[in-house]
Amino acid sequence: MTYEQALSDFERFEFSEAPYTRPVYRKGTGPAVIVMHEMPGLHPLVLDFARAVAAAGMTVFCPSLFGTPGKPVTKSYVLAESLVTTCIRREFNVWSADRSSPIVDWLRALARRAHQECGGKGVGAVGMCFTGGFALAMMTEPAVTAPVLSQPSLPVGGARKRRAIGVSQTEISCARRRFADERLSMIGLRFIGDPLVPDERFDRYTCEFGDKFERWDIDPAEAMAHPSMKHPHSVLTLNLKEEGVTKAAQQRVVEFFKAGTGVA
């Protein structure tokens, strides 16, 4: 199967919001959910997750932010794309502790368009790994009503960044206000012991948002092993089992999106 064949059941379009243009893959009907892929790109298991969301009565929008759409994950692919994205791409603030990435403005614009086209109560958004924290930063866009942070891995930078969440104080304050005023909440997912998602980071989310942060700390023994990683990392994709806690987490996320977007 070619990479494009892996995407054959999705509709592709180009979305532009200065200064960025990215391809977006769309599938389904009903209220919108933005599915932001993990490192190294929009790989087949991210697409499988998107299909599960679409099957539950929603329209998924899958932007390709880096990597090759449809390409399967390998160790060499992860390493190569990580180096390029970390060192070259200026639309991502990889090291910043208290500032979101420039690409988030583009994602907010995509959420506005998706809500205008698909209707419903609002738009769901899930970020994974490199994009994990973007769903929280997107809360400054009123259309976004159901954020999910799966293994949020930014910022990187060693011990000093373990408690950092890579969003600005303005974005934190906006999310707090909306959670209180609109009775919204968010979900966070990670495997215990994941070196890319330290305990302190999830403790910070709990400190900032209290019971509005639904926290899933999953035993790595519950993970499906994958040859590209030593420690389980990708809750909704590479390390997803078709039974047990990870499957329950996936189902919870889908139900959260249904409630947050207003699926009948």
C-alpha atoms as a PDB file:
ATOM      1  CA  MET A   1       0.000   0.000   0.000  1.00  0.00           C
ATOM      2  CA  THR A   2       1.354   3.442  -0.928  1.00  0.00           C
ATOM      3  CA  TYR A   3       1.225   6.356   1.486  1.00  0.00           C
ATOM      4  CA  GLU A   4      -1.555   7.982  -0.522  1.00  0.00           C
ATOM      5  CA  GLN A   5      -3.564   4.758  -0.536  1.00  0.00           C
ATOM      6  CA  ALA A   6      -3.482   4.849   3.276  1.00  0.00           C
ATOM      7  CA  LEU A   7      -5.345   8.167   2.986  1.00  0.00           C
ATOM      8  CA  SER A   8      -7.690   7.190   0.160  1.00  0.00           C
ATOM      9  CA  ASP A   9     -10.855   7.405   2.295  1.00  0.00           C
ATOM     10  CA  PHE A  10     -10.038  10.975   3.371  1.00  0.00           C
ATOM     11  CA  GLU A  11     -10.712  14.154   1.397  1.00  0.00           C
ATOM     12  CA  ARG A  12      -7.615  16.355   1.077  1.00  0.00           C
ATOM     13  CA  PHE A  13      -7.615  20.148   0.888  1.00  0.00           C
ATOM     14  CA  GLU A  14      -5.060  22.906   1.445  1.00  0.00           C
ATOM     15  CA  PHE A  15      -5.694  25.321   4.293  1.00  0.00           C
ATOM     16  CA  SER A  16      -3.910  28.670   4.458  1.00  0.00           C
ATOM     17  CA  GLU A  17      -3.669  31.136   7.305  1.00  0.00           C
ATOM     18  CA  ALA A  18      -0.733  33.527   7.061  1.00  0.00           C
ATOM     19  CA  PRO A  19       2.072  32.638   6.997  1.00  0.00           C
ATOM     20  CA  TYR A  20       1.386  28.884   6.780  1.00  0.00           C
ATOM     21  CA  THR A  21      -0.281  26.537   4.296  1.00  0.00           C
ATOM     22  CA  ARG A  22      -0.734  22.872   5.188  1.00  0.00           C
ATOM     23  CA  PRO A  23      -2.661  19.927   3.721  1.00  0.00           C
ATOM     24  CA  VAL A  24      -5.628  18.763   5.780  1.00  0.00           C
ATOM     25  CA  TYR A  25      -7.341  15.380   5.484  1.00  0.00           C
ATOM     26  CA  ARG A  26     -11.063  15.296   6.249  1.00  0.00           C
ATOM     27  CA  LYS A  27     -13.494  12.441   6.876  1.00  0.00           C
ATOM     28  CA  GLY A  28     -16.994  11.971   8.297  1.00  0.00           C
ATOM     29  CA  THR A  29     -20.061  14.057   9.041  1.00  0.00           C
ATOM     30  CA  GLY A  30     -21.249  15.903  12.117  1.00  0.00           C
ATOM     31  CA  PRO A  31     -19.474  18.335  14.450  1.00  0.00           C
ATOM     32  CA  ALA A  32     -15.744  18.797  13.975  1.00  0.00           C
ATOM     33  CA  VAL A  33     -12.713  17.354  15.751  1.00  0.00           C
ATOM     34  CA  ILE A  34      -9.146  18.449  14.948  1.00  0.00           C
ATOM     35  CA  VAL A  35      -6.755  15.471  15.206  1.00  0.00           C
ATOM     36  CA  MET A  36      -3.162  16.669  15.500  1.00  0.00           C
ATOM     37  CA  HIS A  37      -0.674  13.913  14.812  1.00  0.00           C
ATOM     38  CA  GLU A  38       2.373  12.941  16.796  1.00  0.00           C
ATOM     39  CA  MET A  39       5.997  12.557  15.745  1.00  0.00           C
ATOM     40  CA  PRO A  40       7.017  11.625  13.062  1.00  0.00           C
ATOM     41  CA  GLY A  41       3.885  12.514  11.063  1.00  0.00           C
ATOM     42  CA  LEU A  42       0.328  11.676  10.072  1.00  0.00           C
ATOM     43  CA  HIS A  43       0.966   7.940  10.196  1.00  0.00           C
ATOM     44  CA  PRO A  44      -1.550   5.108   9.661  1.00  0.00           C
ATOM     45  CA  LEU A  45      -2.391   4.569  13.341  1.00  0.00           C
ATOM     46  CA  VAL A  46      -3.249   8.263  13.811  1.00  0.00           C
ATOM     47  CA  LEU A  47      -5.543   7.831  10.814  1.00  0.00           C
ATOM     48  CA  ASP A  48      -7.121   4.790  12.475  1.00  0.00           C
ATOM     49  CA  PHE A  49      -7.869   6.881  15.557  1.00  0.00           C
ATOM     50  CA  ALA A  50      -9.394   9.563  13.327  1.00  0.00           C
ATOM     51  CA  ARG A  51     -11.567   6.931  11.662  1.00  0.00           C
ATOM     52  CA  ALA A  52     -12.861   5.837  15.082  1.00  0.00           C
ATOM     53  CA  VAL A  53     -13.861   9.437  15.836  1.00  0.00           C
ATOM     54  CA  ALA A  54     -15.559   9.786  12.451  1.00  0.00           C
ATOM     55  CA  ALA A  55     -17.431   6.509  12.977  1.00  0.00           C
ATOM     56  CA  ALA A  56     -18.866   7.963  16.189  1.00  0.00           C
ATOM     57  CA  GLY A  57     -20.636  10.741  14.272  1.00  0.00           C
ATOM     58  CA  MET A  58     -18.078  13.503  13.894  1.00  0.00           C
ATOM     59  CA  THR A  59     -16.069  15.127  11.099  1.00  0.00           C
ATOM     60  CA  VAL A  60     -12.340  14.728  11.613  1.00  0.00           C
ATOM     61  CA  PHE A  61      -9.833  17.252  10.284  1.00  0.00           C
ATOM     62  CA  CYS A  62      -6.285  15.858  10.250  1.00  0.00           C
ATOM     63  CA  PRO A  63      -3.698  18.523   9.402  1.00  0.00           C
ATOM     64  CA  SER A  64      -0.278  17.362   8.255  1.00  0.00           C
ATOM     65  CA  LEU A  65       2.123  19.523  10.255  1.00  0.00           C
ATOM     66  CA  PHE A  66       5.385  17.658   9.580  1.00  0.00           C
ATOM     67  CA  GLY A  67       6.518  14.363   8.101  1.00  0.00           C
ATOM     68  CA  THR A  68       5.017  12.460   5.161  1.00  0.00           C
ATOM     69  CA  PRO A  69       1.246  11.813   5.335  1.00  0.00           C
ATOM     70  CA  GLY A  70       0.443   8.117   5.406  1.00  0.00           C
ATOM     71  CA  LYS A  71       4.019   6.932   6.030  1.00  0.00           C
ATOM     72  CA  PRO A  72       4.348   4.205   8.714  1.00  0.00           C
ATOM     73  CA  VAL A  73       6.477   4.754  11.816  1.00  0.00           C
ATOM     74  CA  THR A  74      10.038   3.424  11.987  1.00  0.00           C
ATOM     75  CA  LYS A  75      12.924   4.326  14.288  1.00  0.00           C
ATOM     76  CA  SER A  76      14.843   5.989  11.470  1.00  0.00           C
ATOM     77  CA  TYR A  77      11.786   8.008  10.384  1.00  0.00           C
ATOM     78  CA  VAL A  78      11.190   9.214  13.953  1.00  0.00           C
ATOM     79  CA  LEU A  79      14.828  10.242  14.378  1.00  0.00           C
ATOM     80  CA  ALA A  80      15.076  12.038  11.037  1.00  0.00           C
ATOM     81  CA  GLU A  81      11.831  13.974  11.418  1.00  0.00           C
ATOM     82  CA  SER A  82      12.557  14.825  15.068  1.00  0.00           C
ATOM     83  CA  LEU A  83      15.875  16.393  14.103  1.00  0.00           C
ATOM     84  CA  VAL A  84      14.355  18.410  11.260  1.00  0.00           C
ATOM     85  CA  THR A  85      11.379  19.631  13.280  1.00  0.00           C
ATOM     86  CA  THR A  86      13.397  20.425  16.399  1.00  0.00           C
ATOM     87  CA  CYS A  87      16.280  22.193  14.684  1.00  0.00           C
ATOM     88  CA  ILE A  88      14.813  23.823  11.580  1.00  0.00           C
ATOM     89  CA  ARG A  89      11.061  24.375  11.706  1.00  0.00           C
ATOM     90  CA  ARG A  90      10.344  27.812  13.151  1.00  0.00           C
ATOM     91  CA  GLU A  91       6.609  27.225  13.540  1.00  0.00           C
ATOM     92  CA  PHE A  92       7.310  25.130  16.649  1.00  0.00           C
ATOM     93  CA  ASN A  93       8.673  26.443  19.951  1.00  0.00           C
ATOM     94  CA  VAL A  94      10.348  23.234  21.049  1.00  0.00           C
ATOM     95  CA  TRP A  95      12.246  24.696  23.990  1.00  0.00           C
ATOM     96  CA  SER A  96       9.924  27.429  25.298  1.00  0.00           C
ATOM     97  CA  ALA A  97       8.502  26.827  28.778  1.00  0.00           C
ATOM     98  CA  ASP A  98       5.884  29.583  28.770  1.00  0.00           C
ATOM     99  CA  ARG A  99       4.915  30.227  25.164  1.00  0.00           C
ATOM    100  CA  SER A 100       2.906  28.230  22.648  1.00  0.00           C
ATOM    101  CA  SER A 101       4.097  27.566  19.105  1.00  0.00           C
ATOM    102  CA  PRO A 102       3.348  29.927  16.181  1.00  0.00           C
ATOM    103  CA  ILE A 103       1.523  27.117  14.342  1.00  0.00           C
ATOM    104  CA  VAL A 104      -1.198  27.257  17.027  1.00  0.00           C
ATOM    105  CA  ASP A 105      -2.630  30.403  15.396  1.00  0.00           C
ATOM    106  CA  TRP A 106      -3.050  28.407  12.175  1.00  0.00           C
ATOM    107  CA  LEU A 107      -4.741  25.601  14.124  1.00  0.00           C
ATOM    108  CA  ARG A 108      -7.131  28.051  15.765  1.00  0.00           C
ATOM    109  CA  ALA A 109      -8.091  29.342  12.325  1.00  0.00           C
ATOM    110  CA  LEU A 110      -8.679  25.774  11.142  1.00  0.00           C
ATOM    111  CA  ALA A 111     -10.950  25.208  14.153  1.00  0.00           C
ATOM    112  CA  ARG A 112     -12.962  28.321  13.285  1.00  0.00           C
ATOM    113  CA  ARG A 113     -13.437  27.145   9.718  1.00  0.00           C
ATOM    114  CA  ALA A 114     -14.331  23.619  10.832  1.00  0.00           C
ATOM    115  CA  HIS A 115     -16.968  24.941  13.240  1.00  0.00           C
ATOM    116  CA  GLN A 116     -18.462  27.219  10.588  1.00  0.00           C
ATOM    117  CA  GLU A 117     -18.731  24.303   8.167  1.00  0.00           C
ATOM    118  CA  CYS A 118     -19.804  21.532  10.547  1.00  0.00           C
ATOM    119  CA  GLY A 119     -21.813  23.309  13.234  1.00  0.00           C
ATOM    120  CA  GLY A 120     -22.529  21.714  16.579  1.00  0.00           C
ATOM    121  CA  LYS A 121     -21.782  23.006  20.051  1.00  0.00           C
ATOM    122  CA  GLY A 122     -18.080  23.369  19.350  1.00  0.00           C
ATOM    123  CA  VAL A 123     -14.918  21.705  18.096  1.00  0.00           C
ATOM    124  CA  GLY A 124     -12.908  18.951  19.741  1.00  0.00           C
ATOM    125  CA  ALA A 125      -9.118  18.983  19.527  1.00  0.00           C
ATOM    126  CA  VAL A 126      -6.561  16.330  20.381  1.00  0.00           C
ATOM    127  CA  GLY A 127      -2.823  16.809  20.310  1.00  0.00           C
ATOM    128  CA  MET A 128      -0.363  13.925  20.559  1.00  0.00           C
ATOM    129  CA  CYS A 129       3.274  13.930  21.639  1.00  0.00           C
ATOM    130  CA  PHE A 130       4.922  16.928  19.932  1.00  0.00           C
ATOM    131  CA  THR A 131       1.487  18.546  19.422  1.00  0.00           C
ATOM    132  CA  GLY A 132       0.036  17.404  22.753  1.00  0.00           C
ATOM    133  CA  GLY A 133      -0.128  20.798  24.422  1.00  0.00           C
ATOM    134  CA  PHE A 134      -1.541  22.542  21.363  1.00  0.00           C
ATOM    135  CA  ALA A 135      -5.107  21.509  22.263  1.00  0.00           C
ATOM    136  CA  LEU A 136      -4.874  23.553  25.480  1.00  0.00           C
ATOM    137  CA  ALA A 137      -3.381  26.576  23.708  1.00  0.00           C
ATOM    138  CA  MET A 138      -6.230  26.412  21.180  1.00  0.00           C
ATOM    139  CA  MET A 139      -8.730  27.196  23.953  1.00  0.00           C
ATOM    140  CA  THR A 140      -8.303  30.903  23.207  1.00  0.00           C
ATOM    141  CA  GLU A 141     -10.402  30.163  20.113  1.00  0.00           C
ATOM    142  CA  PRO A 142     -14.065  30.171  21.300  1.00  0.00           C
ATOM    143  CA  ALA A 143     -14.996  27.400  18.858  1.00  0.00           C
ATOM    144  CA  VAL A 144     -12.787  24.880  20.708  1.00  0.00           C
ATOM    145  CA  THR A 145     -14.778  23.196  23.470  1.00  0.00           C
ATOM    146  CA  ALA A 146     -13.224  19.760  24.081  1.00  0.00           C
ATOM    147  CA  PRO A 147      -9.403  19.657  24.388  1.00  0.00           C
ATOM    148  CA  VAL A 148      -7.463  16.397  24.840  1.00  0.00           C
ATOM    149  CA  LEU A 149      -3.727  16.271  25.577  1.00  0.00           C
ATOM    150  CA  SER A 150      -2.234  12.876  24.756  1.00  0.00           C
ATOM    151  CA  GLN A 151       1.352  12.419  25.974  1.00  0.00           C
ATOM    152  CA  PRO A 152       2.170  16.185  25.691  1.00  0.00           C
ATOM    153  CA  SER A 153       5.944  16.240  25.167  1.00  0.00           C
ATOM    154  CA  LEU A 154       6.787  19.932  24.780  1.00  0.00           C
ATOM    155  CA  PRO A 155       8.781  21.702  25.931  1.00  0.00           C
ATOM    156  CA  VAL A 156      11.954  19.634  25.910  1.00  0.00           C
ATOM    157  CA  GLY A 157      15.045  20.701  27.775  1.00  0.00           C
ATOM    158  CA  GLY A 158      15.893  18.467  30.713  1.00  0.00           C
ATOM    159  CA  ALA A 159      15.154  18.864  34.404  1.00  0.00           C
ATOM    160  CA  ARG A 160      14.383  22.591  34.232  1.00  0.00           C
ATOM    161  CA  LYS A 161      11.471  21.973  31.864  1.00  0.00           C
ATOM    162  CA  ARG A 162       9.859  19.017  33.617  1.00  0.00           C
ATOM    163  CA  ARG A 163       7.103  21.188  35.117  1.00  0.00           C
ATOM    164  CA  ALA A 164       6.677  23.387  32.047  1.00  0.00           C
ATOM    165  CA  ILE A 165       3.613  23.015  29.817  1.00  0.00           C
ATOM    166  CA  GLY A 166       4.582  25.201  26.847  1.00  0.00           C
ATOM    167  CA  VAL A 167       1.659  27.620  26.924  1.00  0.00           C
ATOM    168  CA  SER A 168       1.475  31.263  27.945  1.00  0.00           C
ATOM    169  CA  GLN A 169      -0.098  32.597  31.124  1.00  0.00           C
ATOM    170  CA  THR A 170      -2.704  34.321  28.936  1.00  0.00           C
ATOM    171  CA  GLU A 171      -3.676  30.969  27.438  1.00  0.00           C
ATOM    172  CA  ILE A 172      -3.811  29.351  30.885  1.00  0.00           C
ATOM    173  CA  SER A 173      -6.029  32.142  32.213  1.00  0.00           C
ATOM    174  CA  CYS A 174      -8.350  31.928  29.210  1.00  0.00           C
ATOM    175  CA  ALA A 175      -8.737  28.173  29.627  1.00  0.00           C
ATOM    176  CA  ARG A 176      -9.466  28.520  33.347  1.00  0.00           C
ATOM    177  CA  ARG A 177     -12.138  31.128  32.675  1.00  0.00           C
ATOM    178  CA  ARG A 178     -13.777  29.083  29.952  1.00  0.00           C
ATOM    179  CA  PHE A 179     -13.696  25.904  32.012  1.00  0.00           C
ATOM    180  CA  ALA A 180     -15.535  27.739  34.789  1.00  0.00           C
ATOM    181  CA  ASP A 181     -17.921  29.886  32.754  1.00  0.00           C
ATOM    182  CA  GLU A 182     -18.825  27.326  30.072  1.00  0.00           C
ATOM    183  CA  ARG A 183     -18.589  24.193  32.240  1.00  0.00           C
ATOM    184  CA  LEU A 184     -15.878  22.724  30.047  1.00  0.00           C
ATOM    185  CA  SER A 185     -12.948  20.456  30.939  1.00  0.00           C
ATOM    186  CA  MET A 186      -9.988  18.679  29.386  1.00  0.00           C
ATOM    187  CA  ILE A 187      -8.414  15.220  29.367  1.00  0.00           C
ATOM    188  CA  GLY A 188      -4.733  14.325  29.704  1.00  0.00           C
ATOM    189  CA  LEU A 189      -3.268  10.904  28.871  1.00  0.00           C
ATOM    190  CA  ARG A 190       0.190   9.445  29.469  1.00  0.00           C
ATOM    191  CA  PHE A 191       2.038   6.309  30.469  1.00  0.00           C
ATOM    192  CA  ILE A 192       3.646   6.378  33.922  1.00  0.00           C
ATOM    193  CA  GLY A 193       7.407   6.715  33.670  1.00  0.00           C
ATOM    194  CA  ASP A 194       7.381   8.151  30.144  1.00  0.00           C
ATOM    195  CA  PRO A 195      10.578  10.237  30.029  1.00  0.00           C
ATOM    196  CA  LEU A 196       8.977  12.604  27.507  1.00  0.00           C
ATOM    197  CA  VAL A 197       5.990  13.349  29.786  1.00  0.00           C
ATOM    198  CA  PRO A 198       7.321  13.708  33.344  1.00  0.00           C
ATOM    199  CA  ASP A 199       5.209  13.484  36.495  1.00  0.00           C
ATOM    200  CA  GLU A 200       5.816  17.165  37.178  1.00  0.00           C
ATOM    201  CA  ARG A 201       4.146  18.198  33.926  1.00  0.00           C
ATOM    202  CA  PHE A 202       0.909  16.402  34.750  1.00  0.00           C
ATOM    203  CA  ASP A 203       1.124  17.717  38.328  1.00  0.00           C
ATOM    204  CA  ARG A 204       1.293  21.222  36.851  1.00  0.00           C
ATOM    205  CA  TYR A 205      -1.875  20.639  34.833  1.00  0.00           C
ATOM    206  CA  THR A 206      -3.600  19.442  37.993  1.00  0.00           C
ATOM    207  CA  CYS A 207      -2.329  22.479  39.905  1.00  0.00           C
ATOM    208  CA  GLU A 208      -3.497  24.918  37.242  1.00  0.00           C
ATOM    209  CA  PHE A 209      -6.884  23.365  36.434  1.00  0.00           C
ATOM    210  CA  GLY A 210      -7.900  21.206  39.396  1.00  0.00           C
ATOM    211  CA  ASP A 211     -10.781  18.859  38.752  1.00  0.00           C
ATOM    212  CA  LYS A 212     -11.243  20.324  35.269  1.00  0.00           C
ATOM    213  CA  PHE A 213      -8.214  18.230  34.281  1.00  0.00           C
ATOM    214  CA  GLU A 214      -9.216  14.588  33.884  1.00  0.00           C
ATOM    215  CA  ARG A 215      -5.926  12.827  34.380  1.00  0.00           C
ATOM    216  CA  TRP A 216      -5.079   9.379  33.017  1.00  0.00           C
ATOM    217  CA  ASP A 217      -1.768   7.987  34.333  1.00  0.00           C
ATOM    218  CA  ILE A 218      -1.576   4.575  32.688  1.00  0.00           C
ATOM    219  CA  ASP A 219       0.571   1.640  33.799  1.00  0.00           C
ATOM    220  CA  PRO A 220       3.049   0.882  30.969  1.00  0.00           C
ATOM    221  CA  ALA A 221       2.218  -2.804  31.423  1.00  0.00           C
ATOM    222  CA  GLU A 222      -1.114  -1.934  29.755  1.00  0.00           C
ATOM    223  CA  ALA A 223       0.612  -0.824  26.555  1.00  0.00           C
ATOM    224  CA  MET A 224       1.007  -2.598  23.250  1.00  0.00           C
ATOM    225  CA  ALA A 225       4.748  -2.866  22.554  1.00  0.00           C
ATOM    226  CA  HIS A 226       6.098  -1.092  19.481  1.00  0.00           C
ATOM    227  CA  PRO A 227       9.595  -1.509  18.006  1.00  0.00           C
ATOM    228  CA  SER A 228      10.115   2.233  17.518  1.00  0.00           C
ATOM    229  CA  MET A 229      10.232   2.993  21.256  1.00  0.00           C
ATOM    230  CA  LYS A 230      11.784   1.618  24.436  1.00  0.00           C
ATOM    231  CA  HIS A 231       9.116   2.985  26.782  1.00  0.00           C
ATOM    232  CA  PRO A 232       5.398   3.155  25.935  1.00  0.00           C
ATOM    233  CA  HIS A 233       4.450   6.644  24.816  1.00  0.00           C
ATOM    234  CA  SER A 234       1.596   6.844  22.297  1.00  0.00           C
ATOM    235  CA  VAL A 235      -1.607   6.124  24.213  1.00  0.00           C
ATOM    236  CA  LEU A 236      -4.103   6.429  21.353  1.00  0.00           C
ATOM    237  CA  THR A 237      -2.005   4.990  18.528  1.00  0.00           C
ATOM    238  CA  LEU A 238       1.235   2.986  18.595  1.00  0.00           C
ATOM    239  CA  ASN A 239       0.756   1.586  22.113  1.00  0.00           C
ATOM    240  CA  LEU A 240      -3.020   1.123  21.946  1.00  0.00           C
ATOM    241  CA  LYS A 241      -4.309  -2.340  22.829  1.00  0.00           C
ATOM    242  CA  GLU A 242      -7.706  -3.470  21.645  1.00  0.00           C
ATOM    243  CA  GLU A 243      -8.674  -4.252  25.220  1.00  0.00           C
ATOM    244  CA  GLY A 244      -7.841  -2.954  28.679  1.00  0.00           C
ATOM    245  CA  VAL A 245      -6.990   0.532  29.909  1.00  0.00           C
ATOM    246  CA  THR A 246      -5.707   2.052  26.667  1.00  0.00           C
ATOM    247  CA  LYS A 247      -8.851   0.989  24.829  1.00  0.00           C
ATOM    248  CA  ALA A 248     -10.938   2.448  27.660  1.00  0.00           C
ATOM    249  CA  ALA A 249      -8.980   5.690  27.314  1.00  0.00           C
ATOM    250  CA  GLN A 250      -9.669   5.817  23.578  1.00  0.00           C
ATOM    251  CA  GLN A 251     -13.370   5.207  24.150  1.00  0.00           C
ATOM    252  CA  ARG A 252     -13.466   7.880  26.852  1.00  0.00           C
ATOM    253  CA  VAL A 253     -11.880  10.405  24.481  1.00  0.00           C
ATOM    254  CA  VAL A 254     -14.433   9.646  21.769  1.00  0.00           C
ATOM    255  CA  GLU A 255     -17.311  10.068  24.247  1.00  0.00           C
ATOM    256  CA  PHE A 256     -15.738  13.302  25.516  1.00  0.00           C
ATOM    257  CA  PHE A 257     -15.674  14.625  21.966  1.00  0.00           C
ATOM    258  CA  LYS A 258     -19.286  13.618  21.392  1.00  0.00           C
ATOM    259  CA  ALA A 259     -20.415  15.471  24.511  1.00  0.00           C
ATOM    260  CA  GLY A 260     -18.173  18.482  23.911  1.00  0.00           C
ATOM    261  CA  THR A 261     -19.139  18.982  20.270  1.00  0.00           C
ATOM    262  CA  GLY A 262     -22.847  18.298  20.671  1.00  0.00           C
ATOM    263  CA  VAL A 263     -23.275  15.038  18.791  1.00  0.00           C
ATOM    264  CA  ALA A 264     -26.937  14.091  19.036  1.00  0.00           C
END
